[in-house]
């Protein structure tokens, strides 16, 4: 569905996105685009949504270049960053205007507006002007607009900005439902927790470069120079004596009722740990990985590439 081959984007002398290559398959699913502000997320999304042509390389959506290509744009939906809506206009009227710009008319337009409002749970609020809507309500109306023409690809740029916790959970549930229905969703965020709740498959950007892609576990396994941190709970002294005999151990510290290990080559270490626990060789009560999470992976990657 999406294929980039060394695609880059310049704003005059400023490089917004370094040559980037990746692919996303057909079919439904959610991919998170993660990075701090200024990482190049919006630049990448502008290329994918056809708002700008690449300065170098190639961008292909559904096998075609998206820039000024109605055949591609008709199959994708976009919710850009920001909240710029005509405050005095009623949401239902605005949706009809956007539907007409998409080529819908008559009964097909009315049906599309009704279905999109139902999908985002805003049917009973479409009569309200935007000035009387909360941030979360406006965000759902913007999503309804992007869904009216039944897109196969949905692109969302920082959709959680300014939303309260309840509105965020509502939006996350809605996006999961769309993905299960066959829509491919690409969502950007600079907040780790949002992406961690939404999807496990991520693209990590930093300073205009794509650092890594895959699940959190897959990316963490590539970071060989950073030992995996584990907390083993049980009889700490016995666990420590067993751990210091393991060749993969890089560091160890004692805690009350547990021991924290830094371990290299976890693929070799974990089977031995599992066997020792199963055979009763160590009094292991709990195993907690301390850095097999998105926050730790992101910190490692940005530290390595700073």
Protein backbone atom coordinates (compact mmCIF):
# COMPACT_ATOMS: atom_id res chain seq x y z
CA UNK A 1 0.00 0.00 0.00
CA UNK A 2 2.86 2.38 0.86
CA UNK A 3 6.37 2.20 -0.58
CA UNK A 4 9.15 4.78 -0.19
CA UNK A 5 12.47 4.45 -1.97
CA UNK A 6 15.03 6.94 -0.61
CA UNK A 7 12.34 9.62 -0.51
CA UNK A 8 13.49 12.95 0.94
CA UNK A 9 12.01 16.39 1.45
CA UNK A 10 13.75 19.76 1.54
CA UNK A 11 12.39 23.16 2.49
CA UNK A 12 14.92 25.29 0.65
CA UNK A 13 18.26 24.65 2.36
CA UNK A 14 16.62 22.79 5.26
CA UNK A 15 16.40 19.00 5.07
CA UNK A 16 13.05 18.05 6.61
CA UNK A 17 13.35 14.33 5.83
CA UNK A 18 16.51 12.43 4.98
CA UNK A 19 16.37 9.73 2.27
CA UNK A 20 13.88 7.21 3.70
CA UNK A 21 12.93 3.72 2.55
CA UNK A 22 10.17 1.52 3.95
CA UNK A 23 7.03 -0.37 2.92
CA UNK A 24 3.62 -1.05 4.46
CA UNK A 25 1.48 -3.92 3.13
CA UNK A 26 -2.10 -3.92 1.92
CA UNK A 27 -4.90 -4.65 4.37
CA UNK A 28 -6.00 -3.23 7.70
CA UNK A 29 -3.78 -2.41 10.64
CA UNK A 30 -2.33 0.50 12.60
CA UNK A 31 1.25 1.70 12.28
CA UNK A 32 2.56 4.32 14.69
CA UNK A 33 4.89 7.07 13.48
CA UNK A 34 6.83 8.15 16.55
CA UNK A 35 9.31 10.91 17.19
CA UNK A 36 9.80 14.17 19.10
CA UNK A 37 8.65 17.48 17.67
CA UNK A 38 10.85 18.32 14.69
CA UNK A 39 11.69 14.67 13.96
CA UNK A 40 10.23 14.80 10.43
CA UNK A 41 6.85 13.17 11.08
CA UNK A 42 4.77 15.89 9.42
CA UNK A 43 7.19 16.05 6.48
CA UNK A 44 6.76 12.32 5.90
CA UNK A 45 2.98 12.55 6.16
CA UNK A 46 2.88 15.43 3.67
CA UNK A 47 4.70 13.21 1.16
CA UNK A 48 2.37 10.26 1.80
CA UNK A 49 -0.80 12.35 1.54
CA UNK A 50 0.27 14.01 -1.72
CA UNK A 51 0.51 17.52 -0.30
CA UNK A 52 4.12 17.86 -1.45
CA UNK A 53 6.30 16.06 -4.00
CA UNK A 54 9.53 14.45 -2.79
CA UNK A 55 12.74 16.42 -3.28
CA UNK A 56 14.45 13.15 -4.14
CA UNK A 57 13.63 9.47 -4.40
CA UNK A 58 10.15 8.02 -4.92
CA UNK A 59 6.88 7.81 -3.02
CA UNK A 60 4.27 5.27 -4.10
CA UNK A 61 0.78 4.88 -2.64
CA UNK A 62 -1.28 2.06 -4.18
CA UNK A 63 1.56 1.79 -6.71
CA UNK A 64 1.34 5.42 -7.90
CA UNK A 65 2.88 8.79 -7.01
CA UNK A 66 0.35 10.59 -4.77
CA UNK A 67 1.26 14.23 -5.57
CA UNK A 68 -1.57 15.83 -7.59
CA UNK A 69 -2.93 12.36 -8.39
CA UNK A 70 -6.74 12.18 -7.91
CA UNK A 71 -6.71 8.40 -8.40
CA UNK A 72 -4.59 8.06 -5.24
CA UNK A 73 -6.10 10.89 -3.22
CA UNK A 74 -9.61 9.47 -3.68
CA UNK A 75 -8.52 6.32 -1.83
CA UNK A 76 -6.97 7.95 1.25
CA UNK A 77 -8.25 10.06 4.13
CA UNK A 78 -6.25 12.72 5.95
CA UNK A 79 -6.66 14.34 9.36
CA UNK A 80 -3.90 16.97 9.44
CA UNK A 81 -2.39 18.44 12.58
CA UNK A 82 -4.13 21.46 14.07
CA UNK A 83 -7.72 22.44 14.64
CA UNK A 84 -8.65 25.04 12.03
CA UNK A 85 -12.40 24.90 11.57
CA UNK A 86 -14.93 27.68 10.80
CA UNK A 87 -16.23 28.33 14.32
CA UNK A 88 -19.66 29.60 13.30
CA UNK A 89 -20.43 26.75 10.88
CA UNK A 90 -22.48 23.75 11.97
CA UNK A 91 -20.67 20.42 11.81
CA UNK A 92 -23.26 18.75 9.57
CA UNK A 93 -23.11 21.57 7.03
CA UNK A 94 -19.31 21.50 7.01
CA UNK A 95 -19.33 17.76 6.36
CA UNK A 96 -21.69 18.21 3.41
CA UNK A 97 -19.37 20.88 1.97
CA UNK A 98 -16.36 18.59 2.33
CA UNK A 99 -18.32 15.70 0.80
CA UNK A 100 -19.22 17.82 -2.21
CA UNK A 101 -15.55 18.68 -2.68
CA UNK A 102 -14.88 14.92 -2.66
CA UNK A 103 -17.32 14.45 -5.54
CA UNK A 104 -20.33 13.24 -3.59
CA UNK A 105 -23.83 14.58 -4.22
CA UNK A 106 -27.52 13.87 -3.65
CA UNK A 107 -28.49 10.73 -1.79
CA UNK A 108 -24.93 9.37 -1.82
CA UNK A 109 -23.73 12.50 -0.03
CA UNK A 110 -26.47 12.34 2.62
CA UNK A 111 -25.75 8.65 3.22
CA UNK A 112 -21.99 9.24 3.51
CA UNK A 113 -22.48 12.07 6.02
CA UNK A 114 -24.87 9.97 8.11
CA UNK A 115 -22.63 6.90 8.09
CA UNK A 116 -19.47 8.82 9.00
CA UNK A 117 -21.25 10.61 11.87
CA UNK A 118 -22.51 7.26 13.17
CA UNK A 119 -19.03 5.76 12.91
CA UNK A 120 -17.50 8.47 15.11
CA UNK A 121 -20.47 8.63 17.47
CA UNK A 122 -21.52 12.19 16.61
CA UNK A 123 -24.93 11.73 14.99
CA UNK A 124 -26.77 13.62 17.73
CA UNK A 125 -24.30 16.52 17.73
CA UNK A 126 -24.01 17.31 14.02
CA UNK A 127 -26.38 20.29 14.46
CA UNK A 128 -23.92 22.06 16.78
CA UNK A 129 -21.62 24.83 15.50
CA UNK A 130 -17.92 24.15 16.01
CA UNK A 131 -17.66 26.97 18.56
CA UNK A 132 -19.89 24.95 20.92
CA UNK A 133 -17.91 21.73 20.56
CA UNK A 134 -15.13 20.41 22.76
CA UNK A 135 -11.73 19.58 21.32
CA UNK A 136 -12.57 15.88 21.33
CA UNK A 137 -15.86 16.45 19.54
CA UNK A 138 -14.20 18.55 16.84
CA UNK A 139 -11.54 15.89 16.40
CA UNK A 140 -14.19 13.24 15.83
CA UNK A 141 -15.92 15.45 13.24
CA UNK A 142 -12.58 15.88 11.45
CA UNK A 143 -12.20 12.12 11.44
CA UNK A 144 -15.74 11.75 10.08
CA UNK A 145 -14.79 14.05 7.20
CA UNK A 146 -11.75 11.89 6.38
CA UNK A 147 -13.93 8.74 6.39
CA UNK A 148 -16.84 9.94 4.24
CA UNK A 149 -15.52 8.57 0.96
CA UNK A 150 -14.55 5.17 2.40
CA UNK A 151 -10.73 5.45 2.28
CA UNK A 152 -8.47 2.40 2.29
CA UNK A 153 -5.65 4.39 3.90
CA UNK A 154 -6.18 6.82 6.79
CA UNK A 155 -3.40 9.25 7.77
CA UNK A 156 -3.59 11.10 11.09
CA UNK A 157 -1.06 13.73 12.17
CA UNK A 158 -0.90 14.15 15.98
CA UNK A 159 -4.61 13.35 16.44
CA UNK A 160 -4.40 13.21 20.26
CA UNK A 161 -3.10 16.75 20.80
CA UNK A 162 -5.26 18.63 23.29
CA UNK A 163 -7.61 15.72 24.02
CA UNK A 164 -8.56 14.81 27.58
CA UNK A 165 -7.95 11.20 28.72
CA UNK A 166 -11.54 10.10 28.04
CA UNK A 167 -11.49 11.54 24.51
CA UNK A 168 -8.15 9.84 23.84
CA UNK A 169 -9.50 6.45 24.88
CA UNK A 170 -12.57 6.97 22.71
CA UNK A 171 -10.42 7.83 19.69
CA UNK A 172 -8.10 4.85 20.29
CA UNK A 173 -11.08 2.47 20.42
CA UNK A 174 -12.48 3.98 17.23
CA UNK A 175 -9.20 3.63 15.34
CA UNK A 176 -8.84 0.00 16.43
CA UNK A 177 -12.36 -0.69 15.17
CA UNK A 178 -11.56 0.89 11.77
CA UNK A 179 -8.37 -1.15 11.47
CA UNK A 180 -10.25 -4.36 12.24
CA UNK A 181 -12.63 -3.39 9.43
CA UNK A 182 -9.79 -3.35 6.89
CA UNK A 183 -8.55 0.26 6.95
CA UNK A 184 -4.79 0.79 7.00
CA UNK A 185 -4.05 3.56 9.51
CA UNK A 186 -0.84 5.56 9.89
CA UNK A 187 -0.88 7.74 12.99
CA UNK A 188 1.87 10.06 14.20
CA UNK A 189 2.57 11.15 17.76
CA UNK A 190 5.36 12.48 19.95
CA UNK A 191 3.83 10.86 23.05
CA UNK A 192 5.10 7.34 23.68
CA UNK A 193 2.13 6.18 25.74
CA UNK A 194 -0.37 6.92 22.99
CA UNK A 195 1.44 4.83 20.39
CA UNK A 196 2.07 2.05 22.91
CA UNK A 197 -1.68 1.81 23.59
CA UNK A 198 -2.64 2.00 19.93
CA UNK A 199 -0.23 -0.30 18.12
CA UNK A 200 2.86 -2.38 18.65
CA UNK A 201 4.29 -1.74 15.17
CA UNK A 202 6.12 1.54 14.88
CA UNK A 203 8.32 3.71 12.69
CA UNK A 204 10.81 5.70 14.79
CA UNK A 205 11.98 9.07 13.42
CA UNK A 206 14.63 11.34 14.90
CA UNK A 207 16.08 14.49 13.35
CA UNK A 208 14.61 13.73 9.95
CA UNK A 209 15.88 10.15 9.84
CA UNK A 210 14.04 6.85 10.06
CA UNK A 211 15.94 5.05 12.83
CA UNK A 212 14.01 1.78 13.00
CA UNK A 213 10.77 0.02 12.16
CA UNK A 214 9.02 -3.05 13.53
CA UNK A 215 7.52 -4.12 16.84
CA UNK A 216 9.04 -2.85 20.06
CA UNK A 217 10.48 -6.31 20.76
CA UNK A 218 12.00 -6.60 17.26
CA UNK A 219 13.68 -3.20 17.53
CA UNK A 220 14.93 -3.89 21.05
CA UNK A 221 16.59 -7.11 19.88
CA UNK A 222 18.63 -5.09 17.37
CA UNK A 223 20.11 -2.91 20.12
CA UNK A 224 22.84 -5.36 21.03
CA UNK A 225 25.10 -2.74 22.62
CA UNK A 226 22.47 -2.11 25.31
CA UNK A 227 22.09 -5.12 27.66
CA UNK A 228 18.53 -6.08 28.53
CA UNK A 229 17.50 -5.20 32.10
CA UNK A 230 15.53 -7.78 34.10
CA UNK A 231 14.23 -7.90 37.65
CA UNK A 232 14.15 -11.39 39.19
CA UNK A 233 12.00 -11.62 42.31
CA UNK A 234 12.57 -14.37 44.88
CA UNK A 235 15.40 -15.29 47.24
CA UNK A 236 17.75 -12.56 46.11
CA UNK A 237 20.99 -14.08 47.42
CA UNK A 238 20.37 -17.41 45.68
CA UNK A 239 19.32 -15.71 42.46
CA UNK A 240 22.43 -13.53 42.52
CA UNK A 241 24.75 -16.50 43.02
CA UNK A 242 23.15 -18.23 40.01
CA UNK A 243 23.29 -15.08 37.87
CA UNK A 244 26.99 -14.35 38.37
CA UNK A 245 27.80 -17.76 36.87
CA UNK A 246 26.06 -16.90 33.59
CA UNK A 247 28.34 -15.72 30.76
CA UNK A 248 25.77 -13.20 29.48
CA UNK A 249 25.68 -11.19 32.72
CA UNK A 250 26.91 -7.59 32.24
CA UNK A 251 25.88 -6.05 35.58
CA UNK A 252 23.95 -6.89 38.74
CA UNK A 253 22.44 -4.93 41.61
CA UNK A 254 20.59 -6.12 44.68
CA UNK A 255 17.18 -4.88 45.77
CA UNK A 256 14.97 -5.94 48.66
CA UNK A 257 13.55 -9.32 47.70
CA UNK A 258 14.89 -9.16 44.14
CA UNK A 259 17.93 -8.79 41.93
CA UNK A 260 18.24 -6.63 38.81
CA UNK A 261 20.37 -8.02 35.98
CA UNK A 262 21.79 -6.48 32.84
CA UNK A 263 22.07 -9.30 30.32
CA UNK A 264 23.68 -9.54 26.91
CA UNK A 265 22.47 -12.06 24.31
CA UNK A 266 19.00 -12.56 25.86
CA UNK A 267 18.14 -15.26 23.29
CA UNK A 268 20.78 -17.46 24.90
CA UNK A 269 20.12 -16.36 28.48
CA UNK A 270 16.32 -16.74 28.64
CA UNK A 271 16.14 -20.49 27.80
CA UNK A 272 18.73 -21.23 30.49
CA UNK A 273 16.80 -19.10 33.01
CA UNK A 274 13.55 -20.84 32.09
CA UNK A 275 15.12 -24.28 32.49
CA UNK A 276 16.68 -23.43 35.86
CA UNK A 277 13.35 -22.12 37.18
CA UNK A 278 11.37 -25.12 35.84
CA UNK A 279 13.79 -27.60 37.40
CA UNK A 280 13.74 -25.83 40.76
CA UNK A 281 17.36 -24.76 40.53
CA UNK A 282 16.52 -21.16 41.39
CA UNK A 283 13.74 -19.79 43.67
CA UNK A 284 12.23 -17.50 41.02
CA UNK A 285 8.82 -15.99 41.84
CA UNK A 286 8.54 -13.30 39.13
CA UNK A 287 10.39 -12.00 36.10
CA UNK A 288 9.93 -8.38 35.01
CA UNK A 289 11.69 -6.96 31.92
CA UNK A 290 12.51 -3.35 32.74
CA UNK A 291 13.43 -2.00 29.31
CA UNK A 292 11.44 -4.04 26.80
CA UNK A 293 9.11 -1.09 26.33
CA UNK A 294 8.69 1.75 23.89
CA UNK A 295 10.12 4.41 26.17
CA UNK A 296 13.38 2.53 26.73
CA UNK A 297 13.75 1.61 23.05
CA UNK A 298 13.23 5.22 22.03
CA UNK A 299 15.75 6.48 24.58
CA UNK A 300 18.38 3.96 23.42
CA UNK A 301 17.91 4.82 19.75
CA UNK A 302 18.00 8.58 20.20
CA UNK A 303 21.05 8.28 22.48
CA UNK A 304 22.87 6.25 19.83
CA UNK A 305 22.02 8.73 17.04
CA UNK A 306 22.23 12.03 18.91
